[in-house]
Structure formats: structure tokens, C-alpha cells
Amino acid sequence: GVYMLEQREYSVDELIKKVDELLYVAKKHGRNRVVDEF
């Protein structure tokens, strides 16, 4: 999962959650792939 930071404030948990959600999408759709926020 790949996530690029936006120009706003974050918390540590929010950052981990953002990229973890993208990793979950990659796994959900068959694994062995890259998923970004777009």
C-alpha cells in the first residue's frame, strides 16, 4: 500500500491507518500488487 501525505495535519495513528487501508485493498483484490490512494 502506498500513501502520499497531503498538506494538512495528521496524527501517527491516522497515518498508519491510511496506508494500512490501502494494503488491505491490495490483499482484498488478490495480493501480489501495489495499491495507492488514487
Full PDB file with SEQRES, HELIX, SHEET, SSBOND, CRYST1, ORIGX, SCALE, CONECT and MASTER records, all heavy atoms in Angstrom:
SEQRES   1 A   38  GLY VAL TYR MET LEU GLU GLN ARG GLU TYR SER VAL ASP          
SEQRES   2 A   38  GLU LEU ILE LYS LYS VAL ASP GLU LEU LEU TYR VAL ALA          
SEQRES   3 A   38  LYS LYS HIS GLY ARG ASN ARG VAL VAL ASP GLU PHE              
HELIX    1 AA1 VAL A   12  LYS A   28  1                                  17    
CRYST1    1.000    1.000    1.000  90.00  90.00  90.00 P 1           1          
ORIGX1      1.000000  0.000000  0.000000        0.00000                         
ORIGX2      0.000000  1.000000  0.000000        0.00000                         
ORIGX3      0.000000  0.000000  1.000000        0.00000                         
SCALE1      1.000000  0.000000  0.000000        0.00000                         
SCALE2      0.000000  1.000000  0.000000        0.00000                         
SCALE3      0.000000  0.000000  1.000000        0.00000                         
ATOM      1  N   GLY A   1       0.849  -1.188   0.000  1.00  0.00           N  
ATOM      2  CA  GLY A   1       0.000   0.000   0.000  1.00  0.00           C  
ATOM      3  C   GLY A   1       0.884   1.237   0.000  1.00  0.00           C  
ATOM      4  O   GLY A   1       1.889   1.301   0.720  1.00  0.00           O  
ATOM      5  N   VAL A   2       0.515   2.239  -0.804  1.00  0.00           N  
ATOM      6  CA  VAL A   2       1.306   3.468  -0.924  1.00  0.00           C  
ATOM      7  C   VAL A   2       0.407   4.657  -0.635  1.00  0.00           C  
ATOM      8  O   VAL A   2      -0.680   4.772  -1.219  1.00  0.00           O  
ATOM      9  CB  VAL A   2       1.920   3.602  -2.332  1.00  0.00           C  
ATOM     10  CG1 VAL A   2       2.641   4.945  -2.475  1.00  0.00           C  
ATOM     11  CG2 VAL A   2       2.875   2.457  -2.621  1.00  0.00           C  
ATOM     12  N   TYR A   3       0.877   5.565   0.239  1.00  0.00           N  
ATOM     13  CA  TYR A   3       0.092   6.757   0.583  1.00  0.00           C  
ATOM     14  C   TYR A   3       1.027   7.959   0.618  1.00  0.00           C  
ATOM     15  O   TYR A   3       2.063   7.947   1.293  1.00  0.00           O  
ATOM     16  CB  TYR A   3      -0.591   6.596   1.937  1.00  0.00           C  
ATOM     17  CG  TYR A   3      -1.403   7.812   2.346  1.00  0.00           C  
ATOM     18  CD1 TYR A   3      -2.634   8.069   1.756  1.00  0.00           C  
ATOM     19  CD2 TYR A   3      -0.931   8.701   3.314  1.00  0.00           C  
ATOM     20  CE1 TYR A   3      -3.368   9.184   2.116  1.00  0.00           C  
ATOM     21  CE2 TYR A   3      -1.661   9.815   3.676  1.00  0.00           C  
ATOM     22  CZ  TYR A   3      -2.882  10.054   3.075  1.00  0.00           C  
ATOM     23  OH  TYR A   3      -3.624  11.163   3.419  1.00  0.00           O  
ATOM     24  N   MET A   4       0.673   9.009  -0.116  1.00  0.00           N  
ATOM     25  CA  MET A   4       1.418  10.260  -0.126  1.00  0.00           C  
ATOM     26  C   MET A   4       0.745  11.253   0.800  1.00  0.00           C  
ATOM     27  O   MET A   4      -0.469  11.465   0.731  1.00  0.00           O  
ATOM     28  CB  MET A   4       1.503  10.832  -1.541  1.00  0.00           C  
ATOM     29  CG  MET A   4       2.151   9.908  -2.559  1.00  0.00           C  
ATOM     30  SD  MET A   4       3.869   9.509  -2.185  1.00  0.00           S  
ATOM     31  CE  MET A   4       4.637  11.116  -2.356  1.00  0.00           C  
ATOM     32  N   LEU A   5       1.505  11.886   1.681  1.00  0.00           N  
ATOM     33  CA  LEU A   5       0.944  12.823   2.650  1.00  0.00           C  
ATOM     34  C   LEU A   5       0.406  14.062   1.956  1.00  0.00           C  
ATOM     35  O   LEU A   5       1.033  14.614   1.043  1.00  0.00           O  
ATOM     36  CB  LEU A   5       2.000  13.249   3.675  1.00  0.00           C  
ATOM     37  CG  LEU A   5       2.106  12.376   4.933  1.00  0.00           C  
ATOM     38  CD1 LEU A   5       2.638  10.990   4.589  1.00  0.00           C  
ATOM     39  CD2 LEU A   5       2.977  13.040   5.995  1.00  0.00           C  
ATOM     40  N   GLU A   6      -0.777  14.504   2.407  1.00  0.00           N  
ATOM     41  CA  GLU A   6      -1.378  15.734   1.915  1.00  0.00           C  
ATOM     42  C   GLU A   6      -0.910  16.908   2.766  1.00  0.00           C  
ATOM     43  O   GLU A   6      -0.336  16.735   3.843  1.00  0.00           O  
ATOM     44  CB  GLU A   6      -2.909  15.616   1.970  1.00  0.00           C  
ATOM     45  CG  GLU A   6      -3.466  14.438   1.174  1.00  0.00           C  
ATOM     46  CD  GLU A   6      -4.946  14.249   1.417  1.00  0.00           C  
ATOM     47  OE1 GLU A   6      -5.556  15.127   2.082  1.00  0.00           O  
ATOM     48  OE2 GLU A   6      -5.491  13.231   0.984  1.00  0.00           O  
ATOM     49  N   GLN A   7      -1.181  18.118   2.289  1.00  0.00           N  
ATOM     50  CA  GLN A   7      -0.765  19.328   3.004  1.00  0.00           C  
ATOM     51  C   GLN A   7      -1.759  19.660   4.111  1.00  0.00           C  
ATOM     52  O   GLN A   7      -2.480  20.659   4.068  1.00  0.00           O  
ATOM     53  CB  GLN A   7      -0.632  20.493   2.030  1.00  0.00           C  
ATOM     54  CG  GLN A   7       0.481  20.333   1.019  1.00  0.00           C  
ATOM     55  CD  GLN A   7       1.851  20.285   1.684  1.00  0.00           C  
ATOM     56  OE1 GLN A   7       2.148  21.113   2.553  1.00  0.00           O  
ATOM     57  NE2 GLN A   7       2.664  19.318   1.297  1.00  0.00           N  
ATOM     58  N   ARG A   8      -1.778  18.824   5.108  1.00  0.00           N  
ATOM     59  CA  ARG A   8      -2.635  19.047   6.285  1.00  0.00           C  
ATOM     60  C   ARG A   8      -2.011  18.338   7.469  1.00  0.00           C  
ATOM     61  O   ARG A   8      -1.024  17.602   7.326  1.00  0.00           O  
ATOM     62  CB  ARG A   8      -4.053  18.516   6.019  1.00  0.00           C  
ATOM     63  CG  ARG A   8      -4.125  17.010   5.812  1.00  0.00           C  
ATOM     64  CD  ARG A   8      -5.552  16.577   5.565  1.00  0.00           C  
ATOM     65  NE  ARG A   8      -5.702  15.144   5.416  1.00  0.00           N  
ATOM     66  CZ  ARG A   8      -5.825  14.281   6.435  1.00  0.00           C  
ATOM     67  NH1 ARG A   8      -5.805  14.711   7.695  1.00  0.00           N  
ATOM     68  NH2 ARG A   8      -5.976  12.994   6.200  1.00  0.00           N  
ATOM     69  N   GLU A   9      -2.577  18.530   8.626  1.00  0.00           N  
ATOM     70  CA  GLU A   9      -2.035  17.925   9.835  1.00  0.00           C  
ATOM     71  C   GLU A   9      -2.543  16.496   9.992  1.00  0.00           C  
ATOM     72  O   GLU A   9      -3.662  16.155   9.568  1.00  0.00           O  
ATOM     73  CB  GLU A   9      -2.411  18.759  11.056  1.00  0.00           C  
ATOM     74  CG  GLU A   9      -1.761  20.151  11.048  1.00  0.00           C  
ATOM     75  CD  GLU A   9      -2.085  20.922  12.313  1.00  0.00           C  
ATOM     76  OE1 GLU A   9      -2.919  20.421  13.118  1.00  0.00           O  
ATOM     77  OE2 GLU A   9      -1.529  22.017  12.500  1.00  0.00           O  
ATOM     78  N   TYR A  10      -1.691  15.656  10.601  1.00  0.00           N  
ATOM     79  CA  TYR A  10      -2.024  14.249  10.841  1.00  0.00           C  
ATOM     80  C   TYR A  10      -1.673  13.879  12.274  1.00  0.00           C  
ATOM     81  O   TYR A  10      -0.896  14.556  12.949  1.00  0.00           O  
ATOM     82  CB  TYR A  10      -1.215  13.333   9.913  1.00  0.00           C  
ATOM     83  CG  TYR A  10      -1.573  13.385   8.455  1.00  0.00           C  
ATOM     84  CD1 TYR A  10      -0.885  14.235   7.578  1.00  0.00           C  
ATOM     85  CD2 TYR A  10      -2.565  12.560   7.940  1.00  0.00           C  
ATOM     86  CE1 TYR A  10      -1.190  14.267   6.234  1.00  0.00           C  
ATOM     87  CE2 TYR A  10      -2.871  12.590   6.580  1.00  0.00           C  
ATOM     88  CZ  TYR A  10      -2.191  13.440   5.735  1.00  0.00           C  
ATOM     89  OH  TYR A  10      -2.500  13.459   4.415  1.00  0.00           O  
ATOM     90  N   SER A  11      -2.228  12.726  12.678  1.00  0.00           N  
ATOM     91  CA  SER A  11      -1.743  12.043  13.880  1.00  0.00           C  
ATOM     92  C   SER A  11      -1.005  10.782  13.421  1.00  0.00           C  
ATOM     93  O   SER A  11      -1.167  10.332  12.288  1.00  0.00           O  
ATOM     94  CB  SER A  11      -2.900  11.671  14.813  1.00  0.00           C  
ATOM     95  OG  SER A  11      -3.724  10.681  14.204  1.00  0.00           O  
ATOM     96  N   VAL A  12      -0.209  10.207  14.297  1.00  0.00           N  
ATOM     97  CA  VAL A  12       0.533   8.987  13.950  1.00  0.00           C  
ATOM     98  C   VAL A  12      -0.441   7.860  13.604  1.00  0.00           C  
ATOM     99  O   VAL A  12      -0.275   7.152  12.593  1.00  0.00           O  
ATOM    100  CB  VAL A  12       1.469   8.571  15.109  1.00  0.00           C  
ATOM    101  CG1 VAL A  12       2.085   7.203  14.829  1.00  0.00           C  
ATOM    102  CG2 VAL A  12       2.555   9.619  15.316  1.00  0.00           C  
ATOM    103  N   ASP A  13      -1.467   7.685  14.402  1.00  0.00           N  
ATOM    104  CA  ASP A  13      -2.431   6.604  14.156  1.00  0.00           C  
ATOM    105  C   ASP A  13      -3.158   6.793  12.823  1.00  0.00           C  
ATOM    106  O   ASP A  13      -3.446   5.817  12.114  1.00  0.00           O  
ATOM    107  CB  ASP A  13      -3.447   6.539  15.298  1.00  0.00           C  
ATOM    108  CG  ASP A  13      -2.818   6.056  16.593  1.00  0.00           C  
ATOM    109  OD1 ASP A  13      -1.758   5.396  16.530  1.00  0.00           O  
ATOM    110  OD2 ASP A  13      -3.383   6.339  17.671  1.00  0.00           O  
ATOM    111  N   GLU A  14      -3.435   8.057  12.494  1.00  0.00           N  
ATOM    112  CA  GLU A  14      -4.127   8.320  11.233  1.00  0.00           C  
ATOM    113  C   GLU A  14      -3.259   7.941  10.044  1.00  0.00           C  
ATOM    114  O   GLU A  14      -3.752   7.347   9.060  1.00  0.00           O  
ATOM    115  CB  GLU A  14      -4.525   9.789  11.149  1.00  0.00           C  
ATOM    116  CG  GLU A  14      -5.318  10.125   9.884  1.00  0.00           C  
ATOM    117  CD  GLU A  14      -5.633  11.597   9.780  1.00  0.00           C  
ATOM    118  OE1 GLU A  14      -5.178  12.370  10.647  1.00  0.00           O  
ATOM    119  OE2 GLU A  14      -6.327  11.973   8.804  1.00  0.00           O  
ATOM    120  N   LEU A  15      -1.980   8.264  10.111  1.00  0.00           N  
ATOM    121  CA  LEU A  15      -1.077   7.913   9.015  1.00  0.00           C  
ATOM    122  C   LEU A  15      -0.998   6.406   8.818  1.00  0.00           C  
ATOM    123  O   LEU A  15      -1.072   5.898   7.692  1.00  0.00           O  
ATOM    124  CB  LEU A  15       0.323   8.484   9.287  1.00  0.00           C  
ATOM    125  CG  LEU A  15       0.500   9.988   9.095  1.00  0.00           C  
ATOM    126  CD1 LEU A  15       1.905  10.407   9.506  1.00  0.00           C  
ATOM    127  CD2 LEU A  15       0.237  10.380   7.648  1.00  0.00           C  
ATOM    128  N   ILE A  16      -0.831   5.684   9.933  1.00  0.00           N  
ATOM    129  CA  ILE A  16      -0.739   4.225   9.838  1.00  0.00           C  
ATOM    130  C   ILE A  16      -2.051   3.649   9.297  1.00  0.00           C  
ATOM    131  O   ILE A  16      -2.050   2.735   8.458  1.00  0.00           O  
ATOM    132  CB  ILE A  16      -0.391   3.622  11.215  1.00  0.00           C  
ATOM    133  CG1 ILE A  16       1.015   4.078  11.645  1.00  0.00           C  
ATOM    134  CG2 ILE A  16      -0.461   2.103  11.179  1.00  0.00           C  
ATOM    135  CD1 ILE A  16       1.404   3.629  13.039  1.00  0.00           C  
ATOM    136  N   LYS A  17      -3.155   4.217   9.752  1.00  0.00           N  
ATOM    137  CA  LYS A  17      -4.456   3.724   9.290  1.00  0.00           C  
ATOM    138  C   LYS A  17      -4.634   3.953   7.797  1.00  0.00           C  
ATOM    139  O   LYS A  17      -5.152   3.076   7.075  1.00  0.00           O  
ATOM    140  CB  LYS A  17      -5.572   4.418  10.070  1.00  0.00           C  
ATOM    141  CG  LYS A  17      -6.966   3.938   9.681  1.00  0.00           C  
ATOM    142  CD  LYS A  17      -8.027   4.667  10.505  1.00  0.00           C  
ATOM    143  CE  LYS A  17      -9.424   4.188  10.085  1.00  0.00           C  
ATOM    144  NZ  LYS A  17     -10.495   4.900  10.827  1.00  0.00           N  
ATOM    145  N   LYS A  18      -4.208   5.135   7.293  1.00  0.00           N  
ATOM    146  CA  LYS A  18      -4.370   5.458   5.880  1.00  0.00           C  
ATOM    147  C   LYS A  18      -3.664   4.438   4.991  1.00  0.00           C  
ATOM    148  O   LYS A  18      -4.232   3.892   4.043  1.00  0.00           O  
ATOM    149  CB  LYS A  18      -3.811   6.858   5.603  1.00  0.00           C  
ATOM    150  CG  LYS A  18      -4.669   8.004   6.095  1.00  0.00           C  
ATOM    151  CD  LYS A  18      -5.897   8.179   5.205  1.00  0.00           C  
ATOM    152  CE  LYS A  18      -6.687   9.422   5.606  1.00  0.00           C  
ATOM    153  NZ  LYS A  18      -7.905   9.580   4.780  1.00  0.00           N  
ATOM    154  N   VAL A  19      -2.388   4.159   5.299  1.00  0.00           N  
ATOM    155  CA  VAL A  19      -1.629   3.261   4.439  1.00  0.00           C  
ATOM    156  C   VAL A  19      -2.022   1.810   4.674  1.00  0.00           C  
ATOM    157  O   VAL A  19      -1.971   0.968   3.758  1.00  0.00           O  
ATOM    158  CB  VAL A  19      -0.111   3.496   4.638  1.00  0.00           C  
ATOM    159  CG1 VAL A  19       0.351   3.006   5.995  1.00  0.00           C  
ATOM    160  CG2 VAL A  19       0.689   2.855   3.523  1.00  0.00           C  
ATOM    161  N   ASP A  20      -2.478   1.497   5.883  1.00  0.00           N  
ATOM    162  CA  ASP A  20      -2.929   0.134   6.179  1.00  0.00           C  
ATOM    163  C   ASP A  20      -4.200  -0.187   5.392  1.00  0.00           C  
ATOM    164  O   ASP A  20      -4.387  -1.321   4.926  1.00  0.00           O  
ATOM    165  CB  ASP A  20      -3.176  -0.006   7.680  1.00  0.00           C  
ATOM    166  CG  ASP A  20      -3.526  -1.434   8.069  1.00  0.00           C  
ATOM    167  OD1 ASP A  20      -2.857  -2.372   7.555  1.00  0.00           O  
ATOM    168  OD2 ASP A  20      -4.461  -1.625   8.867  1.00  0.00           O  
ATOM    169  N   GLU A  21      -5.071   0.804   5.226  1.00  0.00           N  
ATOM    170  CA  GLU A  21      -6.287   0.594   4.442  1.00  0.00           C  
ATOM    171  C   GLU A  21      -5.952   0.275   2.990  1.00  0.00           C  
ATOM    172  O   GLU A  21      -6.601  -0.566   2.350  1.00  0.00           O  
ATOM    173  CB  GLU A  21      -7.173   1.832   4.530  1.00  0.00           C  
ATOM    174  CG  GLU A  21      -7.815   2.022   5.895  1.00  0.00           C  
ATOM    175  CD  GLU A  21      -8.581   3.328   6.000  1.00  0.00           C  
ATOM    176  OE1 GLU A  21      -8.412   4.185   5.076  1.00  0.00           O  
ATOM    177  OE2 GLU A  21      -9.322   3.520   6.984  1.00  0.00           O  
ATOM    178  N   LEU A  22      -4.921   0.922   2.475  1.00  0.00           N  
ATOM    179  CA  LEU A  22      -4.515   0.654   1.088  1.00  0.00           C  
ATOM    180  C   LEU A  22      -3.897  -0.735   0.955  1.00  0.00           C  
ATOM    181  O   LEU A  22      -4.102  -1.431  -0.048  1.00  0.00           O  
ATOM    182  CB  LEU A  22      -3.521   1.729   0.622  1.00  0.00           C  
ATOM    183  CG  LEU A  22      -4.099   3.153   0.552  1.00  0.00           C  
ATOM    184  CD1 LEU A  22      -2.992   4.170   0.282  1.00  0.00           C  
ATOM    185  CD2 LEU A  22      -5.179   3.237  -0.529  1.00  0.00           C  
ATOM    186  N   LEU A  23      -3.147  -1.154   1.970  1.00  0.00           N  
ATOM    187  CA  LEU A  23      -2.604  -2.521   1.968  1.00  0.00           C  
ATOM    188  C   LEU A  23      -3.742  -3.536   2.017  1.00  0.00           C  
ATOM    189  O   LEU A  23      -3.705  -4.590   1.334  1.00  0.00           O  
ATOM    190  CB  LEU A  23      -1.661  -2.708   3.157  1.00  0.00           C  
ATOM    191  CG  LEU A  23      -1.118  -4.125   3.381  1.00  0.00           C  
ATOM    192  CD1 LEU A  23      -0.307  -4.592   2.175  1.00  0.00           C  
ATOM    193  CD2 LEU A  23      -0.279  -4.183   4.648  1.00  0.00           C  
ATOM    194  N   TYR A  24      -4.766  -3.240   2.782  1.00  0.00           N  
ATOM    195  CA  TYR A  24      -5.930  -4.132   2.880  1.00  0.00           C  
ATOM    196  C   TYR A  24      -6.599  -4.271   1.511  1.00  0.00           C  
ATOM    197  O   TYR A  24      -7.012  -5.368   1.101  1.00  0.00           O  
ATOM    198  CB  TYR A  24      -6.922  -3.592   3.908  1.00  0.00           C  
ATOM    199  CG  TYR A  24      -8.209  -4.363   3.970  1.00  0.00           C  
ATOM    200  CD1 TYR A  24      -8.273  -5.601   4.611  1.00  0.00           C  
ATOM    201  CD2 TYR A  24      -9.372  -3.858   3.373  1.00  0.00           C  
ATOM    202  CE1 TYR A  24      -9.464  -6.321   4.657  1.00  0.00           C  
ATOM    203  CE2 TYR A  24     -10.562  -4.568   3.415  1.00  0.00           C  
ATOM    204  CZ  TYR A  24     -10.600  -5.802   4.066  1.00  0.00           C  
ATOM    205  OH  TYR A  24     -11.777  -6.525   4.096  1.00  0.00           O  
ATOM    206  N   VAL A  25      -6.689  -3.153   0.770  1.00  0.00           N  
ATOM    207  CA  VAL A  25      -7.297  -3.201  -0.567  1.00  0.00           C  
ATOM    208  C   VAL A  25      -6.483  -4.114  -1.476  1.00  0.00           C  
ATOM    209  O   VAL A  25      -7.031  -4.918  -2.256  1.00  0.00           O  
ATOM    210  CB  VAL A  25      -7.404  -1.785  -1.157  1.00  0.00           C  
ATOM    211  CG1 VAL A  25      -7.858  -1.834  -2.615  1.00  0.00           C  
ATOM    212  CG2 VAL A  25      -8.361  -0.938  -0.335  1.00  0.00           C  
ATOM    213  N   ALA A  26      -5.139  -3.989  -1.397  1.00  0.00           N  
ATOM    214  CA  ALA A  26      -4.278  -4.843  -2.218  1.00  0.00           C  
ATOM    215  C   ALA A  26      -4.503  -6.312  -1.901  1.00  0.00           C  
ATOM    216  O   ALA A  26      -4.544  -7.169  -2.809  1.00  0.00           O  
ATOM    217  CB  ALA A  26      -2.821  -4.454  -2.005  1.00  0.00           C  
ATOM    218  N   LYS A  27      -4.645  -6.657  -0.644  1.00  0.00           N  
ATOM    219  CA  LYS A  27      -4.858  -8.050  -0.254  1.00  0.00           C  
ATOM    220  C   LYS A  27      -6.249  -8.529  -0.684  1.00  0.00           C  
ATOM    221  O   LYS A  27      -6.440  -9.676  -1.114  1.00  0.00           O  
ATOM    222  CB  LYS A  27      -4.680  -8.197   1.265  1.00  0.00           C  
ATOM    223  CG  LYS A  27      -3.226  -8.154   1.708  1.00  0.00           C  
ATOM    224  CD  LYS A  27      -3.137  -8.394   3.211  1.00  0.00           C  
ATOM    225  CE  LYS A  27      -1.690  -8.594   3.616  1.00  0.00           C  
ATOM    226  NZ  LYS A  27      -1.129  -9.839   3.061  1.00  0.00           N  
ATOM    227  N   LYS A  28      -7.203  -7.610  -0.556  1.00  0.00           N  
ATOM    228  CA  LYS A  28      -8.583  -7.974  -0.882  1.00  0.00           C  
ATOM    229  C   LYS A  28      -8.737  -8.303  -2.363  1.00  0.00           C  
ATOM    230  O   LYS A  28      -9.570  -9.131  -2.759  1.00  0.00           O  
ATOM    231  CB  LYS A  28      -9.503  -6.818  -0.485  1.00  0.00           C  
ATOM    232  CG  LYS A  28     -10.973  -7.084  -0.750  1.00  0.00           C  
ATOM    233  CD  LYS A  28     -11.811  -5.893  -0.294  1.00  0.00           C  
ATOM    234  CE  LYS A  28     -13.286  -6.133  -0.590  1.00  0.00           C  
ATOM    235  NZ  LYS A  28     -14.110  -4.974  -0.200  1.00  0.00           N  
ATOM    236  N   HIS A  29      -7.903  -7.674  -3.162  1.00  0.00           N  
ATOM    237  CA  HIS A  29      -8.036  -7.854  -4.599  1.00  0.00           C  
ATOM    238  C   HIS A  29      -6.966  -8.784  -5.183  1.00  0.00           C  
ATOM    239  O   HIS A  29      -6.476  -8.578  -6.290  1.00  0.00           O  
ATOM    240  CB  HIS A  29      -8.006  -6.501  -5.316  1.00  0.00           C  
ATOM    241  CG  HIS A  29      -9.236  -5.698  -5.096  1.00  0.00           C  
ATOM    242  ND1 HIS A  29      -9.449  -4.946  -3.959  1.00  0.00           N  
ATOM    243  CD2 HIS A  29     -10.363  -5.536  -5.864  1.00  0.00           C  
ATOM    244  CE1 HIS A  29     -10.625  -4.343  -4.031  1.00  0.00           C  
ATOM    245  NE2 HIS A  29     -11.210  -4.696  -5.193  1.00  0.00           N  
ATOM    246  N   GLY A  30      -6.567  -9.778  -4.390  1.00  0.00           N  
ATOM    247  CA  GLY A  30      -5.742 -10.851  -4.934  1.00  0.00           C  
ATOM    248  C   GLY A  30      -4.288 -10.849  -4.532  1.00  0.00           C  
ATOM    249  O   GLY A  30      -3.524 -11.727  -4.954  1.00  0.00           O  
ATOM    250  N   ARG A  31      -3.876  -9.864  -3.787  1.00  0.00           N  
ATOM    251  CA  ARG A  31      -2.493  -9.801  -3.327  1.00  0.00           C  
ATOM    252  C   ARG A  31      -1.505  -9.634  -4.500  1.00  0.00           C  
ATOM    253  O   ARG A  31      -1.913  -9.488  -5.627  1.00  0.00           O  
ATOM    254  CB  ARG A  31      -2.133 -11.025  -2.478  1.00  0.00           C  
ATOM    255  CG  ARG A  31      -2.957 -11.132  -1.182  1.00  0.00           C  
ATOM    256  CD  ARG A  31      -2.554 -12.367  -0.384  1.00  0.00           C  
ATOM    257  NE  ARG A  31      -3.186 -12.342   0.943  1.00  0.00           N  
ATOM    258  CZ  ARG A  31      -4.415 -12.763   1.192  1.00  0.00           C  
ATOM    259  NH1 ARG A  31      -5.163 -13.242   0.210  1.00  0.00           N  
ATOM    260  NH2 ARG A  31      -4.909 -12.691   2.414  1.00  0.00           N  
ATOM    261  N   ASN A  32      -0.221  -9.611  -4.158  1.00  0.00           N  
ATOM    262  CA  ASN A  32       0.859  -9.526  -5.142  1.00  0.00           C  
ATOM    263  C   ASN A  32       0.670  -8.307  -6.041  1.00  0.00           C  
ATOM    264  O   ASN A  32       0.787  -8.383  -7.261  1.00  0.00           O  
ATOM    265  CB  ASN A  32       0.921 -10.817  -5.980  1.00  0.00           C  
ATOM    266  CG  ASN A  32       2.190 -10.882  -6.835  1.00  0.00           C  
ATOM    267  OD1 ASN A  32       3.186 -10.228  -6.523  1.00  0.00           O  
ATOM    268  ND2 ASN A  32       2.139 -11.650  -7.904  1.00  0.00           N  
ATOM    269  N   ARG A  33       0.360  -7.162  -5.432  1.00  0.00           N  
ATOM    270  CA  ARG A  33       0.118  -5.953  -6.204  1.00  0.00           C  
ATOM    271  C   ARG A  33       0.358  -4.709  -5.342  1.00  0.00           C  
ATOM    272  O   ARG A  33       0.493  -4.782  -4.117  1.00  0.00           O  
ATOM    273  CB  ARG A  33      -1.300  -5.933  -6.755  1.00  0.00           C  
ATOM    274  CG  ARG A  33      -2.384  -5.837  -5.684  1.00  0.00           C  
ATOM    275  CD  ARG A  33      -3.757  -6.068  -6.278  1.00  0.00           C  
ATOM    276  NE  ARG A  33      -3.826  -7.423  -6.847  1.00  0.00           N  
ATOM    277  CZ  ARG A  33      -4.549  -7.727  -7.920  1.00  0.00           C  
ATOM    278  NH1 ARG A  33      -5.245  -6.785  -8.542  1.00  0.00           N  
ATOM    279  NH2 ARG A  33      -4.602  -8.966  -8.361  1.00  0.00           N  
ATOM    280  N   VAL A  34       0.387  -3.550  -6.010  1.00  0.00           N  
ATOM    281  CA  VAL A  34       0.568  -2.247  -5.346  1.00  0.00           C  
ATOM    282  C   VAL A  34      -0.728  -1.477  -5.467  1.00  0.00           C  
ATOM    283  O   VAL A  34      -1.321  -1.398  -6.554  1.00  0.00           O  
ATOM    284  CB  VAL A  34       1.718  -1.451  -5.996  1.00  0.00           C  
ATOM    285  CG1 VAL A  34       1.813  -0.048  -5.373  1.00  0.00           C  
ATOM    286  CG2 VAL A  34       3.034  -2.190  -5.847  1.00  0.00           C  
ATOM    287  N   VAL A  35      -1.182  -0.869  -4.380  1.00  0.00           N  
ATOM    288  CA  VAL A  35      -2.375  -0.015  -4.376  1.00  0.00           C  
ATOM    289  C   VAL A  35      -2.000   1.301  -3.718  1.00  0.00           C  
ATOM    290  O   VAL A  35      -1.437   1.320  -2.614  1.00  0.00           O  
ATOM    291  CB  VAL A  35      -3.543  -0.686  -3.622  1.00  0.00           C  
ATOM    292  CG1 VAL A  35      -4.702   0.296  -3.490  1.00  0.00           C  
ATOM    293  CG2 VAL A  35      -3.990  -1.947  -4.337  1.00  0.00           C  
ATOM    294  N   ASP A  36      -2.313   2.443  -4.402  1.00  0.00           N  
ATOM    295  CA  ASP A  36      -2.078   3.762  -3.793  1.00  0.00           C  
ATOM    296  C   ASP A  36      -3.414   4.447  -3.535  1.00  0.00           C  
ATOM    297  O   ASP A  36      -4.481   3.889  -3.813  1.00  0.00           O  
ATOM    298  CB  ASP A  36      -1.178   4.616  -4.677  1.00  0.00           C  
ATOM    299  CG  ASP A  36      -1.778   4.891  -6.037  1.00  0.00           C  
ATOM    300  OD1 ASP A  36      -2.996   4.694  -6.211  1.00  0.00           O  
ATOM    301  OD2 ASP A  36      -1.029   5.319  -6.936  1.00  0.00           O  
ATOM    302  N   GLU A  37      -3.369   5.676  -3.017  1.00  0.00           N  
ATOM    303  CA  GLU A  37      -4.609   6.340  -2.608  1.00  0.00           C  
ATOM    304  C   GLU A  37      -5.442   6.781  -3.782  1.00  0.00           C  
ATOM    305  O   GLU A  37      -6.624   7.159  -3.629  1.00  0.00           O  
ATOM    306  CB  GLU A  37      -4.290   7.559  -1.705  1.00  0.00           C  
ATOM    307  CG  GLU A  37      -3.621   8.725  -2.417  1.00  0.00           C  
ATOM    308  CD  GLU A  37      -2.092   8.627  -2.354  1.00  0.00           C  
ATOM    309  OE1 GLU A  37      -1.564   7.496  -2.390  1.00  0.00           O  
ATOM    310  OE2 GLU A  37      -1.458   9.679  -2.282  1.00  0.00           O  
ATOM    311  N   PHE A  38      -4.864   6.789  -4.988  1.00  0.00           N  
ATOM    312  CA  PHE A  38      -5.624   7.191  -6.158  1.00  0.00           C  
ATOM    313  C   PHE A  38      -6.298   6.002  -6.847  1.00  0.00           C  
ATOM    314  O   PHE A  38      -7.012   6.200  -7.804  1.00  0.00           O  
ATOM    315  CB  PHE A  38      -4.699   7.897  -7.151  1.00  0.00           C  
ATOM    316  CG  PHE A  38      -4.074   9.128  -6.584  1.00  0.00           C  
ATOM    317  CD1 PHE A  38      -2.723   9.151  -6.306  1.00  0.00           C  
ATOM    318  CD2 PHE A  38      -4.830  10.244  -6.309  1.00  0.00           C  
ATOM    319  CE1 PHE A  38      -2.147  10.285  -5.766  1.00  0.00           C  
ATOM    320  CE2 PHE A  38      -4.261  11.364  -5.770  1.00  0.00           C  
ATOM    321  CZ  PHE A  38      -2.899  11.407  -5.480  1.00  0.00           C  
TER     322      PHE A  38                                                      
MASTER        0    0    0    1    0    0    0    6  321    1    0    3          
END                                                                             
